[in-house]
Amino acid sequence: MAGTGKAHLSQGETVLRIEDLFVEFPVGRSGLKVSAVAGISIDVREGETLGLVGESGCGKSTLGKAIMQIVRANSGHVMFGDIDLMTLQGEELRQTRPRLQMIFQDPISSLNPRRRVGKIVREGLDIWKIGDEASRQAKVLEVLEVVGIDAEAAIGRRPHEFSGGQCQRISIARAVATEPRVIICDEPVSALDVSVQAQILNLLEDMKARYGLTLVFIAHDLAVVKNISDRVAVMYLGKLCEIATPDDLYASPAHPYTAALLSAIPVADPEVNPTLRGGVGGEIPSPLAPPSGCRFRTRCPLATEKCAEEEPQIQEIRPNHFVACHFPLAEGQELPALEANIA
């Protein structure tokens, strides 16, 4: 799996384009480095929702933070329109903040506990002096009402007085208040109850249509990603392995890792034995010393010597369906059962 290449990048205009992005973190004084994002190239078109999925620790959130420049990448390019965010510093970088926002995973800790909700949502408007006093207050009331919060009752209260779902709605209101072009959604529903998840997902879709937003939706829940995304990209150990439309990806996964992820989705049938479904065994390799060639080869039931010697390049196997694998799965092909893989 996990390979490199740019065959999947659009030739037309994109609102966000990431090329050859590397993010590494030093490990104390050992001289070792964790390879969190290793040569990712991906783009996001105007008005679309790009889903980003993978196991915990694969680098999804780090990629989102690197796009925002919260974490500074070691190398590569992050093109926001015609601006390379990697070249910006200080005030120049600050000038992009109103147009590129982020919704964080933990809705409660991402809100300042000492500030009242009205001030939290209004903060970006005040910092950038968007409109006058009356228009800012009107904007705060508008976005709170749009996300389903009683604005008049909420603006004087603090975050601890709200539930997790309500705090996430407030976070969304804060993100859209400055009317950004792109919002990075870092697992915005993973900490919420299932019923509340559906409400937040519907809200994001409504906000996207209302404000003309472009979304990067990071999650590990494959069912959630399928319902909200226009395209889905799959990551493993800092690398991109497959990207396609959700219907194509879920119906005919071409990468063994994607097929294994899909096989792990619970089935509401007590007669189904989950241990007999296709999948992979073993543990994720350490990002301190990732495997040579294909990073997935140590867990892949289809791996050969070629996978250890050559890193696969992203290739188009079907229209708008790209995969980085030496031996992509054919349509309808299934992985061996999980018990066989473990053996």
Protein backbone atom coordinates (compact mmCIF):
# COMPACT_ATOMS: atom_id res chain seq x y z
CA MET A 1 0.00 0.00 0.00
CA ALA A 2 1.17 3.21 1.23
CA GLY A 3 2.93 4.79 -1.64
CA THR A 4 3.70 8.06 -3.33
CA GLY A 5 2.82 9.81 -6.55
CA LYS A 6 0.58 12.53 -7.95
CA ALA A 7 -1.50 10.74 -10.57
CA HIS A 8 -4.63 11.39 -8.52
CA LEU A 9 -4.24 15.17 -8.34
CA SER A 10 -6.69 17.29 -10.34
CA GLN A 11 -5.45 19.18 -13.35
CA GLY A 12 -7.97 22.02 -12.89
CA GLU A 13 -8.30 24.60 -10.15
CA THR A 14 -8.49 23.44 -6.55
CA VAL A 15 -9.08 25.40 -3.37
CA LEU A 16 -6.52 23.31 -1.45
CA ARG A 17 -3.60 21.33 -2.84
CA ILE A 18 -1.02 19.45 -0.75
CA GLU A 19 2.09 18.10 -2.45
CA ASP A 20 4.88 15.88 -1.04
CA LEU A 21 4.12 16.86 2.56
CA PHE A 22 6.43 15.45 5.24
CA VAL A 23 5.92 15.91 8.98
CA GLU A 24 8.39 14.40 11.43
CA PHE A 25 8.66 14.71 15.21
CA PRO A 26 11.95 14.24 17.12
CA VAL A 27 11.95 11.67 19.92
CA GLY A 28 13.72 13.30 22.85
CA ARG A 29 17.50 13.35 22.45
CA SER A 30 17.69 9.94 20.81
CA GLY A 31 18.13 11.37 17.32
CA LEU A 32 15.18 9.29 16.13
CA LYS A 33 12.18 10.83 14.39
CA VAL A 34 8.56 9.76 14.12
CA SER A 35 7.41 9.82 10.51
CA ALA A 36 3.83 11.06 11.00
CA VAL A 37 3.12 12.23 7.44
CA ALA A 38 5.41 10.87 4.72
CA GLY A 39 5.06 12.38 1.28
CA ILE A 40 1.30 12.92 1.16
CA SER A 41 -0.12 14.59 -1.97
CA ILE A 42 -3.84 15.37 -2.08
CA ASP A 43 -6.19 18.08 -3.30
CA VAL A 44 -9.63 19.41 -2.42
CA ARG A 45 -11.94 20.92 -5.00
CA GLU A 46 -14.15 23.93 -4.43
CA GLY A 47 -17.36 22.99 -2.62
CA GLU A 48 -16.57 19.31 -2.04
CA THR A 49 -16.19 17.27 1.12
CA LEU A 50 -13.04 15.13 1.18
CA GLY A 51 -13.19 12.31 3.72
CA LEU A 52 -9.91 11.19 5.29
CA VAL A 53 -9.91 7.81 7.05
CA GLY A 54 -7.48 5.35 8.59
CA GLU A 55 -6.54 3.66 11.86
CA SER A 56 -5.63 5.68 14.92
CA GLY A 57 -2.06 6.90 14.60
CA CYS A 58 -1.98 6.90 10.79
CA GLY A 59 -1.39 10.68 10.63
CA LYS A 60 -4.88 12.01 9.80
CA SER A 61 -5.02 14.67 12.51
CA THR A 62 -1.38 15.62 11.98
CA LEU A 63 -2.12 16.18 8.30
CA GLY A 64 -5.07 18.41 9.20
CA LYS A 65 -2.98 20.44 11.63
CA ALA A 66 -0.16 20.72 9.07
CA ILE A 67 -2.63 22.11 6.54
CA MET A 68 -3.65 24.71 9.12
CA GLN A 69 0.02 25.36 9.96
CA ILE A 70 -0.67 24.54 13.60
CA VAL A 71 2.04 21.92 13.11
CA ARG A 72 4.77 23.05 10.75
CA ALA A 73 5.72 20.45 8.14
CA ASN A 74 9.35 19.62 7.43
CA SER A 75 8.92 19.93 3.66
CA GLY A 76 6.36 20.02 0.90
CA HIS A 77 3.72 22.48 -0.26
CA VAL A 78 0.29 23.46 1.07
CA MET A 79 -1.35 25.55 -1.63
CA PHE A 80 -4.42 27.49 -0.48
CA GLY A 81 -5.61 28.93 -3.76
CA ASP A 82 -2.43 30.42 -5.23
CA ILE A 83 -0.76 30.91 -1.83
CA ASP A 84 1.77 28.42 -0.47
CA LEU A 85 1.10 28.43 3.28
CA MET A 86 4.48 26.78 3.88
CA THR A 87 6.22 29.99 2.83
CA LEU A 88 4.22 32.27 5.15
CA GLN A 89 5.31 33.50 8.55
CA GLY A 90 3.95 35.86 11.17
CA GLU A 91 1.47 38.45 9.96
CA GLU A 92 1.26 36.99 6.45
CA LEU A 93 0.15 33.65 7.89
CA ARG A 94 -2.31 35.34 10.25
CA GLN A 95 -4.01 36.99 7.28
CA THR A 96 -5.11 33.55 6.01
CA ARG A 97 -6.74 32.50 9.29
CA PRO A 98 -10.23 33.90 8.66
CA ARG A 99 -10.48 31.89 5.42
CA LEU A 100 -9.16 28.58 6.77
CA GLN A 101 -10.75 27.28 9.97
CA MET A 102 -10.74 24.08 12.02
CA ILE A 103 -13.26 22.17 14.14
CA PHE A 104 -11.42 20.16 16.77
CA GLN A 105 -12.08 16.64 18.01
CA ASP A 106 -12.92 17.46 21.64
CA PRO A 107 -15.77 19.99 21.56
CA ILE A 108 -15.49 20.97 25.23
CA SER A 109 -11.73 21.47 25.66
CA SER A 110 -11.54 23.42 22.38
CA LEU A 111 -13.67 26.20 23.90
CA ASN A 112 -12.19 28.68 26.39
CA PRO A 113 -13.88 27.79 29.72
CA ARG A 114 -13.50 31.36 31.06
CA ARG A 115 -15.29 33.05 28.18
CA ARG A 116 -18.98 33.30 27.55
CA VAL A 117 -20.37 31.74 24.38
CA GLY A 118 -21.16 35.09 22.76
CA LYS A 119 -17.53 36.18 23.12
CA ILE A 120 -16.21 32.82 21.90
CA VAL A 121 -18.20 32.94 18.66
CA ARG A 122 -17.53 36.64 18.20
CA GLU A 123 -13.77 36.52 18.85
CA GLY A 124 -12.72 36.14 15.21
CA LEU A 125 -15.00 38.98 14.14
CA ASP A 126 -13.52 41.26 16.80
CA ILE A 127 -9.90 40.36 16.02
CA TRP A 128 -10.33 41.01 12.30
CA LYS A 129 -12.69 43.96 12.83
CA ILE A 130 -15.25 42.45 10.46
CA GLY A 131 -18.20 44.84 10.27
CA ASP A 132 -19.31 47.22 13.02
CA GLU A 133 -20.53 46.49 16.53
CA ALA A 134 -24.12 45.88 15.51
CA SER A 135 -23.29 43.64 12.55
CA ARG A 136 -20.92 41.51 14.61
CA GLN A 137 -23.54 40.92 17.25
CA ALA A 138 -26.10 40.13 14.57
CA LYS A 139 -23.68 37.64 13.00
CA VAL A 140 -23.17 35.88 16.34
CA LEU A 141 -26.91 35.56 16.84
CA GLU A 142 -27.35 34.34 13.26
CA VAL A 143 -24.77 31.55 13.33
CA LEU A 144 -25.87 30.33 16.77
CA GLU A 145 -29.48 30.11 15.61
CA VAL A 146 -28.39 28.33 12.41
CA VAL A 147 -26.54 25.64 14.38
CA GLY A 148 -29.58 25.06 16.58
CA ILE A 149 -28.56 26.97 19.72
CA ASP A 150 -30.95 29.42 21.41
CA ALA A 151 -28.75 32.46 20.89
CA GLU A 152 -30.36 34.81 23.42
CA ALA A 153 -30.15 32.18 26.15
CA ALA A 154 -26.65 30.97 25.26
CA ILE A 155 -24.54 34.08 24.68
CA GLY A 156 -24.19 34.84 28.40
CA ARG A 157 -23.36 31.28 29.46
CA ARG A 158 -20.03 29.42 29.58
CA PRO A 159 -19.09 26.14 27.82
CA HIS A 160 -19.37 23.95 30.93
CA GLU A 161 -23.09 24.70 31.03
CA PHE A 162 -23.65 22.87 27.73
CA SER A 163 -23.57 19.23 26.64
CA GLY A 164 -20.91 17.82 24.32
CA GLY A 165 -23.22 18.03 21.31
CA GLN A 166 -24.13 21.63 22.11
CA CYS A 167 -20.45 22.54 22.52
CA GLN A 168 -19.73 21.05 19.10
CA ARG A 169 -22.51 23.18 17.62
CA ILE A 170 -20.92 26.23 19.24
CA SER A 171 -17.54 25.20 17.78
CA ILE A 172 -19.12 25.00 14.31
CA ALA A 173 -20.71 28.43 14.81
CA ARG A 174 -17.33 29.88 15.76
CA ALA A 175 -15.70 28.30 12.70
CA VAL A 176 -18.20 29.69 10.18
CA ALA A 177 -18.56 33.15 11.76
CA THR A 178 -15.67 34.60 9.72
CA GLU A 179 -17.08 33.02 6.53
CA PRO A 180 -14.07 30.80 5.65
CA ARG A 181 -13.55 28.99 2.35
CA VAL A 182 -12.27 25.76 3.92
CA ILE A 183 -12.97 24.06 7.24
CA ILE A 184 -10.85 21.15 8.54
CA CYS A 185 -13.14 18.89 10.59
CA ASP A 186 -10.93 16.77 12.87
CA GLU A 187 -13.14 13.88 14.00
CA PRO A 188 -15.94 16.29 14.98
CA VAL A 189 -18.41 13.55 15.99
CA SER A 190 -16.20 10.83 17.48
CA ALA A 191 -16.80 11.97 21.08
CA LEU A 192 -20.58 12.22 20.69
CA ASP A 193 -23.50 9.82 21.09
CA VAL A 194 -24.77 8.18 17.91
CA SER A 195 -28.01 10.18 17.86
CA VAL A 196 -26.09 13.42 18.34
CA GLN A 197 -23.60 12.39 15.64
CA ALA A 198 -26.41 12.29 13.09
CA GLN A 199 -27.56 15.75 14.13
CA ILE A 200 -24.05 17.22 13.78
CA LEU A 201 -23.50 15.56 10.40
CA ASN A 202 -26.80 16.94 9.10
CA LEU A 203 -25.83 20.33 10.49
CA LEU A 204 -22.48 20.27 8.67
CA GLU A 205 -24.24 19.46 5.41
CA ASP A 206 -26.68 22.33 5.95
CA MET A 207 -23.86 24.75 6.82
CA LYS A 208 -21.90 23.64 3.77
CA ALA A 209 -24.82 24.46 1.48
CA ARG A 210 -25.74 27.69 3.29
CA TYR A 211 -22.24 29.21 3.40
CA GLY A 212 -20.64 27.56 0.36
CA LEU A 213 -18.03 25.71 2.41
CA THR A 214 -15.35 23.22 1.38
CA LEU A 215 -14.71 20.54 4.00
CA VAL A 216 -11.90 18.13 4.86
CA PHE A 217 -13.62 15.57 7.09
CA ILE A 218 -11.23 13.48 9.21
CA ALA A 219 -12.69 10.38 10.89
CA HIS A 220 -12.16 6.69 11.60
CA ASP A 221 -15.85 5.79 11.33
CA LEU A 222 -16.20 4.54 7.77
CA ALA A 223 -20.01 4.67 7.78
CA VAL A 224 -19.95 8.33 8.78
CA VAL A 225 -17.41 9.21 6.10
CA LYS A 226 -19.39 7.47 3.37
CA ASN A 227 -22.52 9.47 4.12
CA ILE A 228 -20.89 12.90 4.14
CA SER A 229 -18.04 12.72 1.60
CA ASP A 230 -17.77 13.39 -2.13
CA ARG A 231 -14.41 11.59 -2.23
CA VAL A 232 -12.67 9.40 0.33
CA ALA A 233 -8.91 9.11 0.89
CA VAL A 234 -7.45 6.24 2.96
CA MET A 235 -4.24 6.67 4.97
CA TYR A 236 -1.93 4.13 6.59
CA LEU A 237 1.18 4.93 8.64
CA GLY A 238 1.66 8.40 7.15
CA LYS A 239 1.02 7.37 3.54
CA LEU A 240 -1.91 7.64 1.15
CA CYS A 241 -3.05 4.27 -0.18
CA GLU A 242 -6.37 4.78 -1.97
CA ILE A 243 -8.72 7.55 -3.07
CA ALA A 244 -12.08 7.28 -4.85
CA THR A 245 -15.72 8.24 -4.63
CA PRO A 246 -17.43 6.67 -1.60
CA ASP A 247 -19.76 4.45 -3.62
CA ASP A 248 -16.89 3.03 -5.68
CA LEU A 249 -14.51 2.70 -2.73
CA TYR A 250 -17.00 0.92 -0.50
CA ALA A 251 -18.36 -1.34 -3.24
CA SER A 252 -14.99 -2.32 -4.77
CA PRO A 253 -11.99 -1.49 -2.56
CA ALA A 254 -8.77 -1.98 -4.52
CA HIS A 255 -6.29 -1.86 -1.68
CA PRO A 256 -6.00 -4.75 0.82
CA TYR A 257 -5.90 -2.27 3.70
CA THR A 258 -9.12 -0.55 2.56
CA ALA A 259 -10.80 -3.93 2.19
CA ALA A 260 -9.68 -4.85 5.70
CA LEU A 261 -11.06 -1.61 7.13
CA LEU A 262 -14.41 -2.18 5.44
CA SER A 263 -14.55 -5.78 6.67
CA ALA A 264 -14.20 -4.48 10.24
CA ILE A 265 -17.49 -2.54 10.04
CA PRO A 266 -19.90 -4.32 12.41
CA VAL A 267 -22.75 -6.25 10.82
CA ALA A 268 -26.12 -6.25 12.61
CA ASP A 269 -26.50 -9.99 12.27
CA PRO A 270 -25.88 -12.37 15.22
CA GLU A 271 -25.28 -15.23 12.77
CA VAL A 272 -22.17 -13.57 11.31
CA ASN A 273 -18.87 -14.64 12.88
CA PRO A 274 -16.59 -11.55 12.77
CA THR A 275 -13.43 -13.67 13.02
CA LEU A 276 -14.24 -15.38 9.73
CA ARG A 277 -14.53 -12.18 7.73
CA GLY A 278 -11.75 -10.91 5.48
CA GLY A 279 -9.17 -8.76 7.18
CA VAL A 280 -5.60 -8.49 8.38
CA GLY A 281 -3.83 -9.43 11.57
CA GLY A 282 -0.73 -8.21 13.31
CA GLU A 283 0.20 -4.86 14.80
CA ILE A 284 0.86 -1.52 13.13
CA PRO A 285 4.65 -1.12 12.66
CA SER A 286 6.44 1.57 14.61
CA PRO A 287 6.59 4.93 12.78
CA LEU A 288 10.12 5.21 14.16
CA ALA A 289 11.22 2.44 11.79
CA PRO A 290 8.55 1.89 9.11
CA PRO A 291 8.92 -1.14 6.80
CA SER A 292 10.79 -0.76 3.53
CA GLY A 293 8.88 -0.56 0.28
CA CYS A 294 5.19 -0.77 1.03
CA ARG A 295 4.52 0.14 4.65
CA PHE A 296 1.53 -2.20 4.79
CA ARG A 297 3.40 -5.30 3.59
CA THR A 298 4.04 -6.70 7.10
CA ARG A 299 0.28 -7.13 7.58
CA CYS A 300 -0.81 -7.77 3.99
CA PRO A 301 -1.91 -11.29 2.97
CA LEU A 302 -0.93 -10.55 -0.65
CA ALA A 303 2.61 -9.23 -0.03
CA THR A 304 5.61 -10.53 -2.01
CA GLU A 305 9.30 -9.69 -2.17
CA LYS A 306 8.49 -6.89 -4.60
CA CYS A 307 6.49 -5.16 -1.87
CA ALA A 308 9.59 -5.07 0.36
CA GLU A 309 11.88 -3.78 -2.39
CA GLU A 310 9.74 -1.18 -4.19
CA GLU A 311 7.44 1.50 -2.87
CA PRO A 312 4.19 1.41 -4.89
CA GLN A 313 3.16 4.47 -6.88
CA ILE A 314 -0.39 5.76 -7.00
CA GLN A 315 -2.08 4.65 -10.20
CA GLU A 316 -5.54 4.93 -11.70
CA ILE A 317 -7.16 1.50 -11.97
CA ARG A 318 -10.67 2.69 -12.80
CA PRO A 319 -12.06 6.12 -13.71
CA ASN A 320 -11.44 8.42 -10.70
CA HIS A 321 -10.29 5.47 -8.58
CA PHE A 322 -6.62 5.56 -7.55
CA VAL A 323 -4.59 3.10 -5.49
CA ALA A 324 -0.98 2.68 -4.37
CA CYS A 325 -0.51 -1.08 -4.49
CA HIS A 326 1.55 -3.51 -6.58
CA PHE A 327 -1.29 -6.05 -6.53
CA PRO A 328 -4.62 -4.17 -6.32
CA LEU A 329 -7.75 -6.20 -5.72
CA ALA A 330 -9.99 -6.85 -8.72
CA GLU A 331 -13.66 -5.94 -8.56
CA GLY A 332 -15.41 -8.48 -6.37
CA GLN A 333 -12.16 -9.99 -5.06
CA GLU A 334 -12.09 -10.54 -1.30
CA LEU A 335 -9.25 -10.89 1.17
CA PRO A 336 -8.59 -14.28 2.77
CA ALA A 337 -10.42 -14.82 6.06
CA LEU A 338 -8.88 -13.21 9.10
CA GLU A 339 -8.07 -16.54 10.80
CA ALA A 340 -5.94 -17.54 7.82
CA ASN A 341 -4.06 -14.25 7.94
CA ILE A 342 -3.27 -14.59 11.63
CA ALA A 343 -1.97 -18.12 11.09
